[in-house]
């Protein structure tokens, strides 16, 4: 099961207590203070792991604790620090404080880490408080409490190309033809309920393609699959707007798609995009493609994922555009 949202509780370790102690030696029964400091409480980190693909684990375990630091010992011995805890999450996970909304970390690369809850500092033992005027302090510090917080985890897929379109536009079929991905395909809306990823190759250049659940009007406000769809195209480099050429008013569908992207985030409409009319096998050969009058398109073309018509041209154009964006060049 694909899960891309979770909320968990983090409780870092408390610091250990400082000790009140005095040296007791054979010929000096009234030795000076010797109480050591308490150990530091354990921290809690998040670490991105490319071996994970979902936040499913956090449906079953919702509280993570780090050990406390040990108390200080005699002879000025400092207590052992609590062991740090590392929580593995998928690459692409955004961590926020659930109460304030503050971003704690954005883990976009394998092995990247962020400190999410800091352990408490150990308290000082009585030897730390000795001075020329206070030679036998009878007190020590308690350890500080560890940080406790609730964090919200949000997984956003990391892909080079995002397939955007209405339900049944042919996104899953296209992904299955240009990669080794095996998404569920059927002739009814919302066949795809979770994002699918596949690796496409053109002229020995590979790039990751994401098939996102179908978009409908009002998705930016949560209608249909709504936000479950839109968050997963925020990290993509290039967008493919896929429209069924056999559908009624394909031009109006294109305008609706752009409107939903802009309503969710203006940044989405600033990404390089191409327009692809799918299912050419369902219309007479030679049917003219609708004009949409969008100067920002780097490609407007038609394909049939069933017959393979137009797929090589599309793959080559996508590979070119992804390479340009990766290298920091302006899109064409």
C-alpha atoms as a PDB file:
ATOM      1  CA  UNK A   1       0.000   0.000   0.000  1.00  0.00           C
ATOM      2  CA  UNK A   2       1.337   3.418  -0.958  1.00  0.00           C
ATOM      3  CA  UNK A   3       1.183   5.913   1.923  1.00  0.00           C
ATOM      4  CA  UNK A   4       2.520   9.440   1.434  1.00  0.00           C
ATOM      5  CA  UNK A   5       1.332  11.218   4.602  1.00  0.00           C
ATOM      6  CA  UNK A   6       2.011  10.359   8.234  1.00  0.00           C
ATOM      7  CA  UNK A   7       2.210  12.027  11.638  1.00  0.00           C
ATOM      8  CA  UNK A   8       4.431  10.727  14.430  1.00  0.00           C
ATOM      9  CA  UNK A   9       5.566  11.730  17.906  1.00  0.00           C
ATOM     10  CA  UNK A  10       9.249  12.186  18.710  1.00  0.00           C
ATOM     11  CA  UNK A  11      10.595  12.144  22.292  1.00  0.00           C
ATOM     12  CA  UNK A  12      14.309  12.782  22.617  1.00  0.00           C
ATOM     13  CA  UNK A  13      16.207  11.509  25.673  1.00  0.00           C
ATOM     14  CA  UNK A  14      16.428  13.475  28.904  1.00  0.00           C
ATOM     15  CA  UNK A  15      19.812  14.461  30.200  1.00  0.00           C
ATOM     16  CA  UNK A  16      21.159  12.513  33.174  1.00  0.00           C
ATOM     17  CA  UNK A  17      21.325  14.041  36.659  1.00  0.00           C
ATOM     18  CA  UNK A  18      24.510  15.401  38.092  1.00  0.00           C
ATOM     19  CA  UNK A  19      25.759  13.621  41.247  1.00  0.00           C
ATOM     20  CA  UNK A  20      26.398  14.932  44.738  1.00  0.00           C
ATOM     21  CA  UNK A  21      29.462  13.074  46.037  1.00  0.00           C
ATOM     22  CA  UNK A  22      32.678  13.651  48.042  1.00  0.00           C
ATOM     23  CA  UNK A  23      36.028  11.935  48.043  1.00  0.00           C
ATOM     24  CA  UNK A  24      36.530   9.565  50.946  1.00  0.00           C
ATOM     25  CA  UNK A  25      40.177   8.546  51.156  1.00  0.00           C
ATOM     26  CA  UNK A  26      42.027   6.576  53.824  1.00  0.00           C
ATOM     27  CA  UNK A  27      43.753   9.537  55.428  1.00  0.00           C
ATOM     28  CA  UNK A  28      41.254  12.187  54.281  1.00  0.00           C
ATOM     29  CA  UNK A  29      37.682  11.477  55.327  1.00  0.00           C
ATOM     30  CA  UNK A  30      36.614  14.970  54.364  1.00  0.00           C
ATOM     31  CA  UNK A  31      37.806  15.124  50.746  1.00  0.00           C
ATOM     32  CA  UNK A  32      36.485  17.595  48.236  1.00  0.00           C
ATOM     33  CA  UNK A  33      33.412  17.253  45.995  1.00  0.00           C
ATOM     34  CA  UNK A  34      33.640  14.598  43.295  1.00  0.00           C
ATOM     35  CA  UNK A  35      30.169  14.330  41.768  1.00  0.00           C
ATOM     36  CA  UNK A  36      30.251  13.963  37.960  1.00  0.00           C
ATOM     37  CA  UNK A  37      27.923  15.391  35.336  1.00  0.00           C
ATOM     38  CA  UNK A  38      25.036  13.509  33.791  1.00  0.00           C
ATOM     39  CA  UNK A  39      25.192  12.276  30.208  1.00  0.00           C
ATOM     40  CA  UNK A  40      23.474  13.924  27.273  1.00  0.00           C
ATOM     41  CA  UNK A  41      20.117  12.523  26.177  1.00  0.00           C
ATOM     42  CA  UNK A  42      19.872  10.804  22.806  1.00  0.00           C
ATOM     43  CA  UNK A  43      18.913  12.807  19.690  1.00  0.00           C
ATOM     44  CA  UNK A  44      16.435  11.697  17.021  1.00  0.00           C
ATOM     45  CA  UNK A  45      17.398  12.041  13.356  1.00  0.00           C
ATOM     46  CA  UNK A  46      15.609  11.385  10.083  1.00  0.00           C
ATOM     47  CA  UNK A  47      17.628   9.824   7.257  1.00  0.00           C
ATOM     48  CA  UNK A  48      16.594   9.345   3.633  1.00  0.00           C
ATOM     49  CA  UNK A  49      16.822   5.763   2.385  1.00  0.00           C
ATOM     50  CA  UNK A  50      16.369   4.962  -1.299  1.00  0.00           C
ATOM     51  CA  UNK A  51      15.304   1.450  -0.334  1.00  0.00           C
ATOM     52  CA  UNK A  52      12.008   2.805   1.036  1.00  0.00           C
ATOM     53  CA  UNK A  53       9.118   3.856  -1.209  1.00  0.00           C
ATOM     54  CA  UNK A  54       6.277   4.645   1.186  1.00  0.00           C
ATOM     55  CA  UNK A  55       5.507   5.982   4.660  1.00  0.00           C
ATOM     56  CA  UNK A  56       3.523   2.831   5.437  1.00  0.00           C
ATOM     57  CA  UNK A  57       5.689   1.890   8.429  1.00  0.00           C
ATOM     58  CA  UNK A  58       4.537   4.982  10.302  1.00  0.00           C
ATOM     59  CA  UNK A  59       0.928   3.801  10.249  1.00  0.00           C
ATOM     60  CA  UNK A  60       1.919   1.118  12.753  1.00  0.00           C
ATOM     61  CA  UNK A  61       4.589   2.824  14.826  1.00  0.00           C
ATOM     62  CA  UNK A  62       3.738   6.398  15.705  1.00  0.00           C
ATOM     63  CA  UNK A  63       6.006   7.155  18.687  1.00  0.00           C
ATOM     64  CA  UNK A  64       9.809   7.196  18.613  1.00  0.00           C
ATOM     65  CA  UNK A  65      11.895   7.641  21.782  1.00  0.00           C
ATOM     66  CA  UNK A  66      15.599   8.099  22.342  1.00  0.00           C
ATOM     67  CA  UNK A  67      17.258   6.837  25.584  1.00  0.00           C
ATOM     68  CA  UNK A  68      18.065   9.217  28.396  1.00  0.00           C
ATOM     69  CA  UNK A  69      21.596   9.993  29.489  1.00  0.00           C
ATOM     70  CA  UNK A  70      23.055   8.129  32.469  1.00  0.00           C
ATOM     71  CA  UNK A  71      23.443   9.934  35.800  1.00  0.00           C
ATOM     72  CA  UNK A  72      26.833  11.262  36.827  1.00  0.00           C
ATOM     73  CA  UNK A  73      29.188   9.062  38.864  1.00  0.00           C
ATOM     74  CA  UNK A  74      31.686   9.512  41.681  1.00  0.00           C
ATOM     75  CA  UNK A  75      35.284  10.552  41.123  1.00  0.00           C
ATOM     76  CA  UNK A  76      34.018  13.159  38.601  1.00  0.00           C
ATOM     77  CA  UNK A  77      32.834  10.490  36.168  1.00  0.00           C
ATOM     78  CA  UNK A  78      30.440  11.807  33.499  1.00  0.00           C
ATOM     79  CA  UNK A  79      27.426   9.630  32.778  1.00  0.00           C
ATOM     80  CA  UNK A  80      27.183   7.894  29.415  1.00  0.00           C
ATOM     81  CA  UNK A  81      25.234   9.761  26.740  1.00  0.00           C
ATOM     82  CA  UNK A  82      21.981   8.300  25.453  1.00  0.00           C
ATOM     83  CA  UNK A  83      22.160   6.521  22.106  1.00  0.00           C
ATOM     84  CA  UNK A  84      20.933   8.553  19.144  1.00  0.00           C
ATOM     85  CA  UNK A  85      17.968   7.183  17.187  1.00  0.00           C
ATOM     86  CA  UNK A  86      17.833   7.333  13.370  1.00  0.00           C
ATOM     87  CA  UNK A  87      14.444   7.023  11.697  1.00  0.00           C
ATOM     88  CA  UNK A  88      14.633   5.961   8.029  1.00  0.00           C
ATOM     89  CA  UNK A  89      12.259   7.619   5.546  1.00  0.00           C
ATOM     90  CA  UNK A  90      11.933   7.477   1.738  1.00  0.00           C
ATOM     91  CA  UNK A  91      13.932   9.863  -0.415  1.00  0.00           C
ATOM     92  CA  UNK A  92      11.718  12.872  -1.110  1.00  0.00           C
ATOM     93  CA  UNK A  93      10.237  13.135   2.401  1.00  0.00           C
ATOM     94  CA  UNK A  94       9.437  16.584   3.730  1.00  0.00           C
ATOM     95  CA  UNK A  95       9.431  16.903   7.546  1.00  0.00           C
ATOM     96  CA  UNK A  96       7.411  19.644   9.235  1.00  0.00           C
ATOM     97  CA  UNK A  97       6.517  20.510  12.808  1.00  0.00           C
ATOM     98  CA  UNK A  98       2.860  19.453  13.028  1.00  0.00           C
ATOM     99  CA  UNK A  99       1.902  22.321  15.327  1.00  0.00           C
ATOM    100  CA  UNK A 100       3.741  25.280  13.799  1.00  0.00           C
ATOM    101  CA  UNK A 101       4.126  24.125  10.219  1.00  0.00           C
ATOM    102  CA  UNK A 102       7.837  24.954  10.375  1.00  0.00           C
ATOM    103  CA  UNK A 103       9.953  22.942   7.956  1.00  0.00           C
ATOM    104  CA  UNK A 104      12.366  20.700   9.823  1.00  0.00           C
ATOM    105  CA  UNK A 105      14.020  19.133   6.792  1.00  0.00           C
ATOM    106  CA  UNK A 106      13.596  18.177   3.137  1.00  0.00           C
ATOM    107  CA  UNK A 107      15.362  14.882   2.450  1.00  0.00           C
ATOM    108  CA  UNK A 108      15.849  14.727  -1.308  1.00  0.00           C
ATOM    109  CA  UNK A 109      19.017  12.618  -1.538  1.00  0.00           C
ATOM    110  CA  UNK A 110      19.892   9.142  -0.305  1.00  0.00           C
ATOM    111  CA  UNK A 111      21.725   9.381   3.015  1.00  0.00           C
ATOM    112  CA  UNK A 112      20.749  12.972   3.768  1.00  0.00           C
ATOM    113  CA  UNK A 113      19.979  13.520   7.465  1.00  0.00           C
ATOM    114  CA  UNK A 114      18.256  16.080   9.656  1.00  0.00           C
ATOM    115  CA  UNK A 115      18.134  16.487  13.428  1.00  0.00           C
ATOM    116  CA  UNK A 116      14.447  16.442  14.366  1.00  0.00           C
ATOM    117  CA  UNK A 117      14.479  16.241  18.186  1.00  0.00           C
ATOM    118  CA  UNK A 118      17.445  17.215  20.350  1.00  0.00           C
ATOM    119  CA  UNK A 119      18.327  15.345  23.523  1.00  0.00           C
ATOM    120  CA  UNK A 120      18.566  17.181  26.843  1.00  0.00           C
ATOM    121  CA  UNK A 121      21.872  18.333  28.276  1.00  0.00           C
ATOM    122  CA  UNK A 122      23.186  16.452  31.292  1.00  0.00           C
ATOM    123  CA  UNK A 123      23.143  18.190  34.655  1.00  0.00           C
ATOM    124  CA  UNK A 124      26.384  19.275  36.337  1.00  0.00           C
ATOM    125  CA  UNK A 125      27.649  17.388  39.374  1.00  0.00           C
ATOM    126  CA  UNK A 126      28.545  19.146  42.621  1.00  0.00           C
ATOM    127  CA  UNK A 127      32.234  19.221  41.732  1.00  0.00           C
ATOM    128  CA  UNK A 128      31.406  21.785  39.047  1.00  0.00           C
ATOM    129  CA  UNK A 129      30.121  24.206  41.666  1.00  0.00           C
ATOM    130  CA  UNK A 130      33.192  24.136  43.967  1.00  0.00           C
ATOM    131  CA  UNK A 131      35.032  27.426  44.430  1.00  0.00           C
ATOM    132  CA  UNK A 132      37.410  29.076  46.879  1.00  0.00           C
ATOM    133  CA  UNK A 133      34.463  30.231  48.942  1.00  0.00           C
ATOM    134  CA  UNK A 134      32.259  27.180  48.421  1.00  0.00           C
ATOM    135  CA  UNK A 135      34.416  24.144  48.997  1.00  0.00           C
ATOM    136  CA  UNK A 136      31.742  21.550  49.701  1.00  0.00           C
ATOM    137  CA  UNK A 137      28.630  22.262  47.594  1.00  0.00           C
ATOM    138  CA  UNK A 138      25.721  20.100  48.630  1.00  0.00           C
ATOM    139  CA  UNK A 139      23.797  20.365  45.382  1.00  0.00           C
ATOM    140  CA  UNK A 140      23.905  19.314  41.731  1.00  0.00           C
ATOM    141  CA  UNK A 141      21.839  19.946  38.616  1.00  0.00           C
ATOM    142  CA  UNK A 142      19.080  17.814  37.160  1.00  0.00           C
ATOM    143  CA  UNK A 143      19.393  16.970  33.493  1.00  0.00           C
ATOM    144  CA  UNK A 144      17.429  18.968  30.954  1.00  0.00           C
ATOM    145  CA  UNK A 145      14.394  17.278  29.373  1.00  0.00           C
ATOM    146  CA  UNK A 146      14.730  16.108  25.793  1.00  0.00           C
ATOM    147  CA  UNK A 147      12.784  17.829  23.051  1.00  0.00           C
ATOM    148  CA  UNK A 148       9.330  16.420  22.375  1.00  0.00           C
ATOM    149  CA  UNK A 149       7.413  17.269  19.225  1.00  0.00           C
ATOM    150  CA  UNK A 150       4.907  15.901  16.751  1.00  0.00           C
ATOM    151  CA  UNK A 151       6.069  15.980  13.144  1.00  0.00           C
ATOM    152  CA  UNK A 152       4.176  15.601   9.907  1.00  0.00           C
ATOM    153  CA  UNK A 153       5.847  13.565   7.158  1.00  0.00           C
ATOM    154  CA  UNK A 154       4.942  14.255   3.546  1.00  0.00           C
ATOM    155  CA  UNK A 155       6.375  12.179   0.732  1.00  0.00           C
ATOM    156  CA  UNK A 156       6.736  13.884  -2.637  1.00  0.00           C
ATOM    157  CA  UNK A 157       7.923  11.683  -5.450  1.00  0.00           C
ATOM    158  CA  UNK A 158      11.166  12.620  -7.140  1.00  0.00           C
ATOM    159  CA  UNK A 159      10.844  12.158 -10.892  1.00  0.00           C
ATOM    160  CA  UNK A 160      12.148  13.905 -13.984  1.00  0.00           C
ATOM    161  CA  UNK A 161       8.889  13.838 -15.925  1.00  0.00           C
ATOM    162  CA  UNK A 162       5.345  14.008 -14.566  1.00  0.00           C
ATOM    163  CA  UNK A 163       2.388  12.726 -16.621  1.00  0.00           C
ATOM    164  CA  UNK A 164      -0.592  15.020 -16.023  1.00  0.00           C
ATOM    165  CA  UNK A 165      -4.091  14.416 -17.357  1.00  0.00           C
ATOM    166  CA  UNK A 166      -7.704  13.656 -16.691  1.00  0.00           C
ATOM    167  CA  UNK A 167      -8.768  10.156 -15.615  1.00  0.00           C
ATOM    168  CA  UNK A 168      -8.553   7.670 -18.484  1.00  0.00           C
ATOM    169  CA  UNK A 169      -6.316   9.907 -20.604  1.00  0.00           C
ATOM    170  CA  UNK A 170      -3.916   7.013 -21.131  1.00  0.00           C
ATOM    171  CA  UNK A 171      -1.146   7.912 -18.676  1.00  0.00           C
ATOM    172  CA  UNK A 172      -0.747   4.394 -17.302  1.00  0.00           C
ATOM    173  CA  UNK A 173      -0.739   2.856 -20.772  1.00  0.00           C
ATOM    174  CA  UNK A 174       1.915   5.338 -21.896  1.00  0.00           C
ATOM    175  CA  UNK A 175       4.086   4.603 -18.855  1.00  0.00           C
ATOM    176  CA  UNK A 176       3.830   0.870 -19.456  1.00  0.00           C
ATOM    177  CA  UNK A 177       4.964   1.316 -23.084  1.00  0.00           C
ATOM    178  CA  UNK A 178       7.972   3.565 -22.444  1.00  0.00           C
ATOM    179  CA  UNK A 179       9.287   1.804 -19.318  1.00  0.00           C
ATOM    180  CA  UNK A 180       9.233  -1.499 -17.470  1.00  0.00           C
ATOM    181  CA  UNK A 181       6.601  -0.234 -15.037  1.00  0.00           C
ATOM    182  CA  UNK A 182       3.418  -2.293 -14.740  1.00  0.00           C
ATOM    183  CA  UNK A 183       0.669   0.063 -13.543  1.00  0.00           C
ATOM    184  CA  UNK A 184      -2.938  -1.081 -13.317  1.00  0.00           C
ATOM    185  CA  UNK A 185      -4.730  -0.338 -16.595  1.00  0.00           C
ATOM    186  CA  UNK A 186      -8.489  -0.485 -17.193  1.00  0.00           C
ATOM    187  CA  UNK A 187     -11.192   1.400 -19.083  1.00  0.00           C
ATOM    188  CA  UNK A 188     -12.699   3.351 -16.201  1.00  0.00           C
ATOM    189  CA  UNK A 189     -11.804   6.573 -14.348  1.00  0.00           C
ATOM    190  CA  UNK A 190      -9.291   6.562 -11.494  1.00  0.00           C
ATOM    191  CA  UNK A 191      -7.704   3.263 -12.396  1.00  0.00           C
ATOM    192  CA  UNK A 192      -4.510   4.725 -10.935  1.00  0.00           C
ATOM    193  CA  UNK A 193      -5.019   5.465  -7.247  1.00  0.00           C
ATOM    194  CA  UNK A 194      -1.353   5.757  -6.323  1.00  0.00           C
ATOM    195  CA  UNK A 195       1.618   7.205  -8.209  1.00  0.00           C
ATOM    196  CA  UNK A 196       3.694   4.871 -10.343  1.00  0.00           C
ATOM    197  CA  UNK A 197       7.306   5.362 -11.406  1.00  0.00           C
ATOM    198  CA  UNK A 198       9.120   4.015 -14.434  1.00  0.00           C
ATOM    199  CA  UNK A 199      12.498   4.565 -16.068  1.00  0.00           C
ATOM    200  CA  UNK A 200      12.388   5.532 -19.742  1.00  0.00           C
ATOM    201  CA  UNK A 201      15.379   5.430 -22.091  1.00  0.00           C
ATOM    202  CA  UNK A 202      16.070   7.353 -25.302  1.00  0.00           C
ATOM    203  CA  UNK A 203      19.431   7.250 -27.121  1.00  0.00           C
ATOM    204  CA  UNK A 204      21.081   5.764 -23.988  1.00  0.00           C
ATOM    205  CA  UNK A 205      19.721   8.621 -21.865  1.00  0.00           C
ATOM    206  CA  UNK A 206      17.504   7.542 -18.980  1.00  0.00           C
ATOM    207  CA  UNK A 207      14.994   9.549 -16.979  1.00  0.00           C
ATOM    208  CA  UNK A 208      12.320   8.773 -14.394  1.00  0.00           C
ATOM    209  CA  UNK A 209       8.673   9.205 -15.346  1.00  0.00           C
ATOM    210  CA  UNK A 210       5.834   9.473 -12.811  1.00  0.00           C
ATOM    211  CA  UNK A 211       2.273   8.460 -13.653  1.00  0.00           C
ATOM    212  CA  UNK A 212       0.149  10.497 -11.249  1.00  0.00           C
ATOM    213  CA  UNK A 213      -3.505   9.759 -10.372  1.00  0.00           C
ATOM    214  CA  UNK A 214      -5.922  11.544 -12.715  1.00  0.00           C
ATOM    215  CA  UNK A 215      -6.741  15.192 -12.267  1.00  0.00           C
ATOM    216  CA  UNK A 216     -10.260  16.646 -12.338  1.00  0.00           C
ATOM    217  CA  UNK A 217     -11.552  20.195 -12.142  1.00  0.00           C
ATOM    218  CA  UNK A 218     -11.308  21.443  -8.564  1.00  0.00           C
ATOM    219  CA  UNK A 219      -8.359  19.186  -7.706  1.00  0.00           C
ATOM    220  CA  UNK A 220      -6.376  22.128  -6.277  1.00  0.00           C
ATOM    221  CA  UNK A 221      -8.974  22.417  -3.502  1.00  0.00           C
ATOM    222  CA  UNK A 222      -9.029  18.678  -2.804  1.00  0.00           C
ATOM    223  CA  UNK A 223     -11.784  17.545  -5.151  1.00  0.00           C
ATOM    224  CA  UNK A 224     -11.412  14.013  -6.464  1.00  0.00           C
ATOM    225  CA  UNK A 225      -7.909  12.797  -5.659  1.00  0.00           C
ATOM    226  CA  UNK A 226      -7.032  16.480  -5.296  1.00  0.00           C
ATOM    227  CA  UNK A 227      -3.979  17.204  -3.218  1.00  0.00           C
ATOM    228  CA  UNK A 228      -3.013  13.520  -3.253  1.00  0.00           C
ATOM    229  CA  UNK A 229      -2.241  14.091  -6.914  1.00  0.00           C
ATOM    230  CA  UNK A 230      -0.765  17.562  -7.021  1.00  0.00           C
ATOM    231  CA  UNK A 231       1.969  17.251  -4.390  1.00  0.00           C
ATOM    232  CA  UNK A 232       3.741  14.607  -6.454  1.00  0.00           C
ATOM    233  CA  UNK A 233       4.493  16.862  -9.417  1.00  0.00           C
ATOM    234  CA  UNK A 234       6.124  19.639  -7.403  1.00  0.00           C
ATOM    235  CA  UNK A 235       9.581  18.073  -7.719  1.00  0.00           C
ATOM    236  CA  UNK A 236       9.345  17.027 -11.374  1.00  0.00           C
ATOM    237  CA  UNK A 237      11.528  18.803 -13.922  1.00  0.00           C
ATOM    238  CA  UNK A 238       9.212  18.518 -16.931  1.00  0.00           C
ATOM    239  CA  UNK A 239       5.444  18.103 -17.284  1.00  0.00           C
ATOM    240  CA  UNK A 240       3.580  16.146 -19.951  1.00  0.00           C
ATOM    241  CA  UNK A 241      -0.049  17.254 -20.279  1.00  0.00           C
ATOM    242  CA  UNK A 242      -1.836  14.260 -21.748  1.00  0.00           C
ATOM    243  CA  UNK A 243      -5.252  14.697 -23.389  1.00  0.00           C
ATOM    244  CA  UNK A 244      -7.437  12.058 -25.034  1.00  0.00           C
ATOM    245  CA  UNK A 245      -7.929  13.327 -28.595  1.00  0.00           C
ATOM    246  CA  UNK A 246     -11.207  11.412 -28.843  1.00  0.00           C
ATOM    247  CA  UNK A 247     -12.661  13.246 -25.847  1.00  0.00           C
ATOM    248  CA  UNK A 248     -15.091  16.140 -26.160  1.00  0.00           C
ATOM    249  CA  UNK A 249     -13.496  19.607 -26.260  1.00  0.00           C
ATOM    250  CA  UNK A 250      -9.808  18.703 -25.884  1.00  0.00           C
ATOM    251  CA  UNK A 251      -8.857  22.408 -25.952  1.00  0.00           C
ATOM    252  CA  UNK A 252     -11.105  23.073 -22.932  1.00  0.00           C
ATOM    253  CA  UNK A 253      -9.469  20.144 -21.128  1.00  0.00           C
ATOM    254  CA  UNK A 254      -6.054  21.694 -21.683  1.00  0.00           C
ATOM    255  CA  UNK A 255      -7.204  25.041 -20.249  1.00  0.00           C
ATOM    256  CA  UNK A 256      -8.669  23.254 -17.226  1.00  0.00           C
ATOM    257  CA  UNK A 257      -5.435  21.359 -16.592  1.00  0.00           C
ATOM    258  CA  UNK A 258      -3.375  24.553 -16.689  1.00  0.00           C
ATOM    259  CA  UNK A 259      -5.886  26.298 -14.433  1.00  0.00           C
ATOM    260  CA  UNK A 260      -5.690  23.552 -11.817  1.00  0.00           C
ATOM    261  CA  UNK A 261      -1.884  23.620 -11.846  1.00  0.00           C
ATOM    262  CA  UNK A 262      -1.819  27.408 -11.468  1.00  0.00           C
ATOM    263  CA  UNK A 263      -4.402  27.342  -8.660  1.00  0.00           C
ATOM    264  CA  UNK A 264      -2.300  24.894  -6.693  1.00  0.00           C
ATOM    265  CA  UNK A 265       1.060  26.584  -7.315  1.00  0.00           C
ATOM    266  CA  UNK A 266       2.247  29.119  -9.879  1.00  0.00           C
ATOM    267  CA  UNK A 267       5.583  27.299  -9.830  1.00  0.00           C
ATOM    268  CA  UNK A 268       3.972  24.362 -11.623  1.00  0.00           C
ATOM    269  CA  UNK A 269       3.008  26.450 -14.639  1.00  0.00           C
ATOM    270  CA  UNK A 270       6.586  27.696 -14.821  1.00  0.00           C
ATOM    271  CA  UNK A 271       7.942  24.195 -15.448  1.00  0.00           C
ATOM    272  CA  UNK A 272       8.778  23.166 -19.023  1.00  0.00           C
ATOM    273  CA  UNK A 273       5.744  21.401 -20.467  1.00  0.00           C
ATOM    274  CA  UNK A 274       4.604  19.628 -23.570  1.00  0.00           C
ATOM    275  CA  UNK A 275       1.151  18.755 -24.847  1.00  0.00           C
ATOM    276  CA  UNK A 276       0.507  15.195 -25.962  1.00  0.00           C
ATOM    277  CA  UNK A 277      -2.746  14.071 -27.557  1.00  0.00           C
ATOM    278  CA  UNK A 278      -3.191  10.381 -26.823  1.00  0.00           C
ATOM    279  CA  UNK A 279      -5.232   7.597 -28.447  1.00  0.00           C
ATOM    280  CA  UNK A 280      -4.614   8.565 -32.073  1.00  0.00           C
ATOM    281  CA  UNK A 281      -5.651   5.012 -32.936  1.00  0.00           C
ATOM    282  CA  UNK A 282      -9.254   5.968 -32.043  1.00  0.00           C
ATOM    283  CA  UNK A 283      -9.592   8.755 -34.642  1.00  0.00           C
ATOM    284  CA  UNK A 284      -9.274   8.665 -38.462  1.00  0.00           C
ATOM    285  CA  UNK A 285      -5.724   8.827 -39.807  1.00  0.00           C
ATOM    286  CA  UNK A 286      -4.661  12.362 -40.636  1.00  0.00           C
ATOM    287  CA  UNK A 287      -6.936  13.991 -38.040  1.00  0.00           C
ATOM    288  CA  UNK A 288      -5.559  17.469 -37.289  1.00  0.00           C
ATOM    289  CA  UNK A 289      -4.370  18.099 -33.742  1.00  0.00           C
ATOM    290  CA  UNK A 290      -6.161  20.925 -31.913  1.00  0.00           C
ATOM    291  CA  UNK A 291      -4.276  24.212 -31.551  1.00  0.00           C
ATOM    292  CA  UNK A 292      -4.021  25.563 -28.000  1.00  0.00           C
ATOM    293  CA  UNK A 293      -1.990  28.716 -28.625  1.00  0.00           C
ATOM    294  CA  UNK A 294       0.468  28.133 -25.776  1.00  0.00           C
ATOM    295  CA  UNK A 295       3.893  29.607 -26.558  1.00  0.00           C
ATOM    296  CA  UNK A 296       5.446  27.934 -23.514  1.00  0.00           C
ATOM    297  CA  UNK A 297       5.064  24.437 -24.986  1.00  0.00           C
ATOM    298  CA  UNK A 298       8.339  22.876 -26.125  1.00  0.00           C
ATOM    299  CA  UNK A 299       6.381  20.213 -28.001  1.00  0.00           C
ATOM    300  CA  UNK A 300       2.824  19.560 -29.171  1.00  0.00           C
ATOM    301  CA  UNK A 301       2.341  16.119 -30.646  1.00  0.00           C
ATOM    302  CA  UNK A 302       0.073  13.100 -30.889  1.00  0.00           C
ATOM    303  CA  UNK A 303       0.704   9.479 -29.962  1.00  0.00           C
ATOM    304  CA  UNK A 304      -0.862   6.086 -29.735  1.00  0.00           C
ATOM    305  CA  UNK A 305       0.507   4.115 -26.823  1.00  0.00           C
ATOM    306  CA  UNK A 306      -1.266   1.048 -28.195  1.00  0.00           C
ATOM    307  CA  UNK A 307       0.361   1.084 -31.646  1.00  0.00           C
ATOM    308  CA  UNK A 308       3.536   2.928 -30.651  1.00  0.00           C
ATOM    309  CA  UNK A 309       2.883   5.820 -33.047  1.00  0.00           C
ATOM    310  CA  UNK A 310       4.845   8.934 -32.039  1.00  0.00           C
ATOM    311  CA  UNK A 311       6.488   7.401 -28.966  1.00  0.00           C
ATOM    312  CA  UNK A 312      10.090   7.671 -30.210  1.00  0.00           C
ATOM    313  CA  UNK A 313       9.676  11.361 -31.055  1.00  0.00           C
ATOM    314  CA  UNK A 314       8.141  12.017 -27.639  1.00  0.00           C
ATOM    315  CA  UNK A 315      10.870  10.137 -25.759  1.00  0.00           C
ATOM    316  CA  UNK A 316      13.619  11.968 -27.630  1.00  0.00           C
ATOM    317  CA  UNK A 317      12.052  15.366 -26.906  1.00  0.00           C
ATOM    318  CA  UNK A 318      11.621  14.530 -23.217  1.00  0.00           C
ATOM    319  CA  UNK A 319      15.203  13.289 -22.899  1.00  0.00           C
ATOM    320  CA  UNK A 320      16.453  16.500 -24.533  1.00  0.00           C
ATOM    321  CA  UNK A 321      14.387  18.707 -22.245  1.00  0.00           C
ATOM    322  CA  UNK A 322      15.329  16.825 -19.067  1.00  0.00           C
ATOM    323  CA  UNK A 323      19.009  17.118 -20.013  1.00  0.00           C
ATOM    324  CA  UNK A 324      18.625  20.874 -20.507  1.00  0.00           C
ATOM    325  CA  UNK A 325      16.945  21.382 -17.133  1.00  0.00           C
ATOM    326  CA  UNK A 326      19.495  19.200 -15.325  1.00  0.00           C
ATOM    327  CA  UNK A 327      22.339  21.240 -16.829  1.00  0.00           C
ATOM    328  CA  UNK A 328      20.698  24.546 -15.863  1.00  0.00           C
ATOM    329  CA  UNK A 329      19.961  25.625 -19.433  1.00  0.00           C
ATOM    330  CA  UNK A 330      16.785  27.483 -20.322  1.00  0.00           C
ATOM    331  CA  UNK A 331      14.025  25.226 -21.656  1.00  0.00           C
ATOM    332  CA  UNK A 332      13.212  25.363 -25.358  1.00  0.00           C
END
